[in-house]
């Protein structure tokens, strides 16, 4: 029997919304050679690097290996509980409380919390909020009025939504409906001791710091991360921020003073805050960061949050090392990581 033809657009939407039981498929990432369930809590991959398969066996025949977080080759009991919980959340007219969700699943709140932390690296409350945010984003794109979208997304009252609108969307509802067209990023590049550096900022602070060897590649990275924003090259406006960033490479104590306006999931924000709390000249293991944010089993999720850090240097993901104490990976290259750590050790002596 021929395998069914997958609707790649529908599959990708399920991955974006982290819907573990929505469709029968797995997705694989060509840059990591790992395949996952659509509800996996790992960092969202770039769409162009994703392939879809009807089954784990199909993915493995194509040379991919199973994700150790979501275990797509076989669903353990805790993951099955999260799958059932997701179905309840999505079917509810308003977002359920953690207690109501546990009662609907005939599970204790403690078991439910353990299942979510082990499977997706979030508390049930944070996951419910993330699902509501995803529903809101879809509804804002489809509904004619913002008020209709608010109720469609599961907010019981518009006042509750507007009190947390910026945290939920990263921008105002109107700006989101325009697909970020109202968000302006000024950016510029410069030479630095690590090669080339790009800094992009909103009116509130730095949204991105990236190192590289080629300005065109850095600009492409900016466009990939902020596709919907208006991106304005403005070296004059960014001159002071660029100087502050460049200086902080060799004088690392100044990195903590760089103003930031970075957006991410609730889990990412917790990890990034923990990174900024690592004292100058010290390092931590991924497991120590996971424990520090109250999610000791979410080591891989912590590593993904570090990899998704948009602001090199200012959010010091270079201070986190693998369990074996080796240098490990770094989005902007291991030699840059080595140089940053050496500078910090010297500054703290």
Protein backbone atom coordinates (compact mmCIF):
# COMPACT_ATOMS: atom_id res chain seq x y z
CA UNK A 1 0.00 0.00 0.00
CA UNK A 2 1.32 3.42 -0.94
CA UNK A 3 1.98 5.79 1.95
CA UNK A 4 -0.33 8.84 2.08
CA UNK A 5 1.01 12.05 0.58
CA UNK A 6 1.71 14.55 3.35
CA UNK A 7 0.46 18.12 3.16
CA UNK A 8 3.75 19.86 3.92
CA UNK A 9 2.11 23.22 4.70
CA UNK A 10 -0.25 21.60 7.22
CA UNK A 11 2.61 19.62 8.73
CA UNK A 12 4.75 22.74 9.11
CA UNK A 13 1.89 24.60 10.79
CA UNK A 14 1.57 21.73 13.28
CA UNK A 15 5.29 21.98 14.01
CA UNK A 16 5.08 25.76 14.50
CA UNK A 17 2.11 25.39 16.86
CA UNK A 18 3.70 22.38 18.61
CA UNK A 19 0.65 20.15 18.18
CA UNK A 20 1.90 16.65 19.15
CA UNK A 21 -1.27 14.74 18.22
CA UNK A 22 -2.55 16.86 15.36
CA UNK A 23 -1.29 14.79 12.44
CA UNK A 24 0.42 11.44 11.97
CA UNK A 25 3.93 12.33 10.83
CA UNK A 26 7.43 13.17 12.01
CA UNK A 27 9.69 15.96 10.84
CA UNK A 28 13.44 15.81 10.31
CA UNK A 29 16.05 18.56 10.28
CA UNK A 30 18.72 18.15 7.63
CA UNK A 31 21.31 20.23 9.53
CA UNK A 32 21.17 18.03 12.67
CA UNK A 33 20.02 14.70 11.10
CA UNK A 34 17.45 14.37 13.92
CA UNK A 35 13.74 13.67 13.53
CA UNK A 36 11.04 14.72 15.99
CA UNK A 37 7.35 14.69 16.75
CA UNK A 38 5.52 17.90 15.80
CA UNK A 39 5.07 18.74 19.50
CA UNK A 40 8.77 18.59 20.34
CA UNK A 41 10.04 21.45 22.53
CA UNK A 42 13.32 21.79 20.66
CA UNK A 43 14.15 25.07 18.95
CA UNK A 44 12.00 25.71 15.87
CA UNK A 45 14.18 24.87 12.85
CA UNK A 46 14.45 26.88 9.65
CA UNK A 47 11.68 25.77 7.30
CA UNK A 48 14.06 25.18 4.42
CA UNK A 49 15.95 22.58 6.49
CA UNK A 50 12.87 20.49 7.33
CA UNK A 51 11.60 17.28 5.71
CA UNK A 52 8.41 15.40 6.62
CA UNK A 53 7.91 11.63 6.86
CA UNK A 54 4.86 9.45 7.45
CA UNK A 55 6.59 7.38 10.13
CA UNK A 56 9.76 7.10 12.24
CA UNK A 57 10.79 4.13 10.10
CA UNK A 58 10.67 6.30 6.96
CA UNK A 59 12.81 8.96 8.64
CA UNK A 60 15.36 6.40 9.82
CA UNK A 61 15.59 4.82 6.37
CA UNK A 62 16.45 8.31 5.08
CA UNK A 63 19.38 8.52 7.53
CA UNK A 64 17.87 10.47 10.43
CA UNK A 65 18.03 9.48 14.11
CA UNK A 66 15.35 9.87 16.78
CA UNK A 67 15.23 12.91 19.06
CA UNK A 68 16.05 11.97 22.65
CA UNK A 69 13.66 14.58 24.04
CA UNK A 70 10.36 13.77 22.34
CA UNK A 71 11.21 10.09 21.56
CA UNK A 72 9.29 9.93 18.28
CA UNK A 73 9.91 6.20 17.80
CA UNK A 74 7.70 5.36 20.77
CA UNK A 75 5.60 7.53 23.05
CA UNK A 76 6.36 7.06 26.76
CA UNK A 77 3.50 7.45 29.31
CA UNK A 78 4.35 11.02 30.29
CA UNK A 79 4.46 12.11 26.64
CA UNK A 80 1.10 10.42 26.07
CA UNK A 81 -0.34 12.47 28.95
CA UNK A 82 0.94 15.67 27.33
CA UNK A 83 -0.63 14.63 24.02
CA UNK A 84 -4.01 14.17 25.75
CA UNK A 85 -3.58 17.45 27.62
CA UNK A 86 -2.88 19.31 24.38
CA UNK A 87 -6.10 17.96 22.86
CA UNK A 88 -8.07 19.19 25.90
CA UNK A 89 -6.43 22.63 25.74
CA UNK A 90 -7.15 23.01 22.03
CA UNK A 91 -10.78 21.90 22.39
CA UNK A 92 -11.54 24.30 25.27
CA UNK A 93 -13.39 27.54 24.51
CA UNK A 94 -11.29 29.33 27.14
CA UNK A 95 -7.83 28.38 28.32
CA UNK A 96 -8.19 25.97 31.29
CA UNK A 97 -6.35 26.46 34.54
CA UNK A 98 -3.69 23.93 35.49
CA UNK A 99 -6.01 22.43 38.11
CA UNK A 100 -8.92 22.14 35.68
CA UNK A 101 -6.65 20.51 33.11
CA UNK A 102 -5.41 17.94 35.62
CA UNK A 103 -8.99 17.14 36.64
CA UNK A 104 -10.08 16.71 33.01
CA UNK A 105 -7.27 14.20 32.49
CA UNK A 106 -7.90 12.39 35.79
CA UNK A 107 -4.31 13.09 36.77
CA UNK A 108 -2.77 14.79 39.78
CA UNK A 109 -1.38 18.30 39.27
CA UNK A 110 2.03 16.98 40.36
CA UNK A 111 2.02 14.23 37.69
CA UNK A 112 0.84 16.71 35.06
CA UNK A 113 3.63 19.14 35.93
CA UNK A 114 6.22 16.35 35.79
CA UNK A 115 4.93 15.23 32.38
CA UNK A 116 5.15 18.71 30.88
CA UNK A 117 8.61 19.45 32.27
CA UNK A 118 9.98 16.10 31.10
CA UNK A 119 8.39 16.30 27.64
CA UNK A 120 8.35 19.95 26.57
CA UNK A 121 10.50 21.64 29.22
CA UNK A 122 7.69 23.96 30.37
CA UNK A 123 5.22 24.06 33.23
CA UNK A 124 1.58 23.32 32.28
CA UNK A 125 0.77 27.00 32.86
CA UNK A 126 3.53 28.18 30.51
CA UNK A 127 2.48 25.64 27.88
CA UNK A 128 -1.18 26.73 28.09
CA UNK A 129 -0.06 30.33 27.62
CA UNK A 130 2.08 29.35 24.64
CA UNK A 131 -0.83 27.50 23.01
CA UNK A 132 -3.09 30.48 23.63
CA UNK A 133 -0.49 32.74 22.06
CA UNK A 134 -0.34 30.51 18.98
CA UNK A 135 -4.14 30.51 18.71
CA UNK A 136 -4.17 34.27 19.09
CA UNK A 137 -1.65 34.74 16.29
CA UNK A 138 -3.78 32.64 13.96
CA UNK A 139 -6.98 34.37 15.04
CA UNK A 140 -5.52 37.86 14.59
CA UNK A 141 -4.65 36.89 11.03
CA UNK A 142 -8.11 35.49 10.28
CA UNK A 143 -10.64 37.49 12.29
CA UNK A 144 -11.94 40.85 11.11
CA UNK A 145 -11.83 42.42 14.56
CA UNK A 146 -9.24 42.22 17.33
CA UNK A 147 -11.98 41.62 19.91
CA UNK A 148 -13.22 38.55 18.01
CA UNK A 149 -9.67 37.20 17.80
CA UNK A 150 -9.17 37.65 21.55
CA UNK A 151 -12.16 35.47 22.42
CA UNK A 152 -11.36 32.97 19.66
CA UNK A 153 -7.92 32.51 21.24
CA UNK A 154 -9.41 31.63 24.62
CA UNK A 155 -9.19 34.86 26.58
CA UNK A 156 -12.20 35.17 28.84
CA UNK A 157 -11.97 38.98 28.92
CA UNK A 158 -10.37 41.54 26.66
CA UNK A 159 -8.96 43.40 29.67
CA UNK A 160 -6.90 40.32 30.56
CA UNK A 161 -5.47 40.19 27.05
CA UNK A 162 -4.59 43.87 26.78
CA UNK A 163 -2.80 43.74 30.14
CA UNK A 164 -0.35 41.21 28.70
CA UNK A 165 -0.57 41.94 24.96
CA UNK A 166 3.04 42.98 24.44
CA UNK A 167 4.37 39.97 26.36
CA UNK A 168 2.13 37.63 24.36
CA UNK A 169 2.83 39.04 20.90
CA UNK A 170 6.08 40.93 21.33
CA UNK A 171 4.26 43.94 19.85
CA UNK A 172 0.84 45.59 19.86
CA UNK A 173 -2.11 43.67 18.32
CA UNK A 174 -2.34 46.19 15.51
CA UNK A 175 1.33 45.86 14.68
CA UNK A 176 1.06 42.08 14.73
CA UNK A 177 -1.93 42.17 12.36
CA UNK A 178 0.27 44.10 9.96
CA UNK A 179 2.76 41.20 10.24
CA UNK A 180 5.31 43.35 12.02
CA UNK A 181 5.37 46.04 9.34
CA UNK A 182 5.30 48.71 12.08
CA UNK A 183 8.37 47.37 13.87
CA UNK A 184 11.49 49.23 12.81
CA UNK A 185 14.98 47.86 13.35
CA UNK A 186 18.00 50.05 12.75
CA UNK A 187 21.15 48.08 12.08
CA UNK A 188 24.78 48.43 11.13
CA UNK A 189 27.97 46.41 10.93
CA UNK A 190 31.53 47.14 11.96
CA UNK A 191 34.96 45.60 12.32
CA UNK A 192 35.73 44.12 15.73
CA UNK A 193 38.38 41.91 17.37
CA UNK A 194 36.27 38.87 16.43
CA UNK A 195 35.89 39.74 12.73
CA UNK A 196 32.69 41.55 11.84
CA UNK A 197 29.77 42.36 14.13
CA UNK A 198 26.17 43.32 13.35
CA UNK A 199 24.03 45.22 15.84
CA UNK A 200 20.29 45.77 15.33
CA UNK A 201 18.15 47.77 17.72
CA UNK A 202 14.63 49.04 18.32
CA UNK A 203 13.88 52.25 20.17
CA UNK A 204 14.00 50.23 23.41
CA UNK A 205 17.35 48.54 22.98
CA UNK A 206 19.46 45.98 21.15
CA UNK A 207 17.46 43.20 19.51
CA UNK A 208 20.35 41.35 17.88
CA UNK A 209 24.12 41.08 18.10
CA UNK A 210 25.82 38.67 15.71
CA UNK A 211 29.43 37.93 14.80
CA UNK A 212 30.66 36.77 11.41
CA UNK A 213 33.19 37.15 8.64
CA UNK A 214 30.96 38.60 5.91
CA UNK A 215 28.53 41.53 6.10
CA UNK A 216 26.17 40.01 3.54
CA UNK A 217 25.85 36.82 5.58
CA UNK A 218 25.17 38.85 8.71
CA UNK A 219 22.48 40.87 6.93
CA UNK A 220 20.89 37.63 5.67
CA UNK A 221 20.83 36.32 9.24
CA UNK A 222 19.08 39.51 10.36
CA UNK A 223 16.50 39.22 7.57
CA UNK A 224 15.83 35.57 8.47
CA UNK A 225 15.23 36.39 12.14
CA UNK A 226 13.20 39.59 11.54
CA UNK A 227 11.45 38.84 8.25
CA UNK A 228 8.38 41.01 8.90
CA UNK A 229 10.15 44.03 10.37
CA UNK A 230 11.31 47.14 8.57
CA UNK A 231 15.08 46.93 8.60
CA UNK A 232 16.94 50.22 8.18
CA UNK A 233 20.69 50.35 7.67
CA UNK A 234 21.80 53.33 9.74
CA UNK A 235 25.43 53.38 10.80
CA UNK A 236 25.14 56.89 12.21
CA UNK A 237 22.26 56.05 14.53
CA UNK A 238 23.96 52.85 15.70
CA UNK A 239 27.44 54.35 16.14
CA UNK A 240 27.30 54.54 19.95
CA UNK A 241 25.79 51.07 20.38
CA UNK A 242 28.30 49.56 17.97
CA UNK A 243 31.16 51.17 19.90
CA UNK A 244 29.73 49.86 23.18
CA UNK A 245 29.49 46.31 21.81
CA UNK A 246 32.96 46.35 20.24
CA UNK A 247 34.52 47.72 23.43
CA UNK A 248 32.81 45.05 25.54
CA UNK A 249 34.65 42.29 23.65
CA UNK A 250 38.00 43.23 25.21
CA UNK A 251 36.49 44.97 28.25
CA UNK A 252 33.76 42.40 29.07
CA UNK A 253 32.50 44.06 32.23
CA UNK A 254 30.72 46.54 29.97
CA UNK A 255 28.55 43.89 28.31
CA UNK A 256 26.04 43.91 31.18
CA UNK A 257 25.29 47.59 30.49
CA UNK A 258 24.17 47.03 26.88
CA UNK A 259 20.41 47.87 26.73
CA UNK A 260 18.38 44.96 25.39
CA UNK A 261 15.02 44.48 23.67
CA UNK A 262 15.04 40.73 22.96
CA UNK A 263 11.97 38.55 22.51
CA UNK A 264 11.53 34.83 23.03
CA UNK A 265 9.34 32.22 24.63
CA UNK A 266 8.82 32.19 28.39
CA UNK A 267 11.31 29.34 28.68
CA UNK A 268 13.93 31.10 26.56
CA UNK A 269 13.59 34.27 28.63
CA UNK A 270 14.19 32.27 31.82
CA UNK A 271 17.32 30.70 30.34
CA UNK A 272 18.64 34.01 29.02
CA UNK A 273 18.10 35.66 32.41
CA UNK A 274 20.06 32.82 34.04
CA UNK A 275 22.89 33.32 31.55
CA UNK A 276 23.13 37.00 32.40
CA UNK A 277 23.38 36.04 36.08
CA UNK A 278 26.61 34.03 35.55
CA UNK A 279 29.41 36.10 37.10
CA UNK A 280 32.14 37.47 34.88
CA UNK A 281 35.01 35.01 34.53
CA UNK A 282 32.91 31.97 35.50
CA UNK A 283 31.24 29.24 33.46
CA UNK A 284 28.33 26.87 34.02
CA UNK A 285 27.22 23.52 32.64
CA UNK A 286 23.92 23.19 30.77
CA UNK A 287 22.63 21.04 33.62
CA UNK A 288 23.43 23.75 36.14
CA UNK A 289 21.43 26.29 34.14
CA UNK A 290 18.52 23.83 33.90
CA UNK A 291 18.59 23.41 37.68
CA UNK A 292 18.85 27.16 38.24
CA UNK A 293 15.60 27.79 36.35
CA UNK A 294 13.78 24.95 38.12
CA UNK A 295 13.78 22.51 35.20
CA UNK A 296 16.63 20.08 35.97
CA UNK A 297 15.60 17.58 33.30
CA UNK A 298 15.36 20.18 30.54
CA UNK A 299 19.08 20.18 29.72
CA UNK A 300 18.55 19.84 25.98
CA UNK A 301 15.93 22.60 26.00
CA UNK A 302 18.44 24.84 27.78
CA UNK A 303 21.02 24.07 25.09
CA UNK A 304 18.46 24.97 22.41
CA UNK A 305 17.65 28.24 24.18
CA UNK A 306 21.36 29.06 24.26
CA UNK A 307 21.61 28.31 20.55
CA UNK A 308 18.63 30.59 19.93
CA UNK A 309 20.16 33.51 21.80
CA UNK A 310 19.80 36.58 19.53
CA UNK A 311 22.28 38.81 21.34
CA UNK A 312 25.82 37.46 21.44
CA UNK A 313 28.02 38.86 24.21
CA UNK A 314 25.17 40.72 25.97
CA UNK A 315 23.45 37.41 26.77
CA UNK A 316 26.58 35.38 27.54
CA UNK A 317 25.70 31.94 26.19
CA UNK A 318 29.46 31.51 25.65
CA UNK A 319 29.75 30.98 29.42
CA UNK A 320 27.91 27.64 29.21
CA UNK A 321 29.89 24.46 28.59
CA UNK A 322 28.96 20.80 28.00
CA UNK A 323 28.92 18.32 30.87
CA UNK A 324 32.44 17.11 30.08
CA UNK A 325 33.87 20.62 30.46
CA UNK A 326 35.04 20.92 26.86
CA UNK A 327 34.50 24.12 24.91
CA UNK A 328 31.44 22.76 23.09
CA UNK A 329 29.59 24.49 20.31
CA UNK A 330 28.88 28.16 19.76
CA UNK A 331 26.61 29.69 17.16
CA UNK A 332 29.26 32.20 16.15
CA UNK A 333 32.17 29.74 16.10
CA UNK A 334 34.28 28.00 18.78
CA UNK A 335 37.29 30.28 18.33
CA UNK A 336 35.17 33.31 19.14
CA UNK A 337 33.87 31.50 22.22
CA UNK A 338 37.43 30.70 23.28
CA UNK A 339 38.48 34.35 22.83
CA UNK A 340 35.52 35.69 24.81
CA UNK A 341 36.15 33.31 27.72
CA UNK A 342 39.86 34.14 27.75
CA UNK A 343 39.11 37.87 27.85
CA UNK A 344 36.69 37.36 30.74
CA UNK A 345 39.11 35.25 32.75
CA UNK A 346 41.79 37.90 32.32
CA UNK A 347 39.39 40.71 33.29
CA UNK A 348 38.28 38.91 36.45
CA UNK A 349 41.80 38.12 37.71
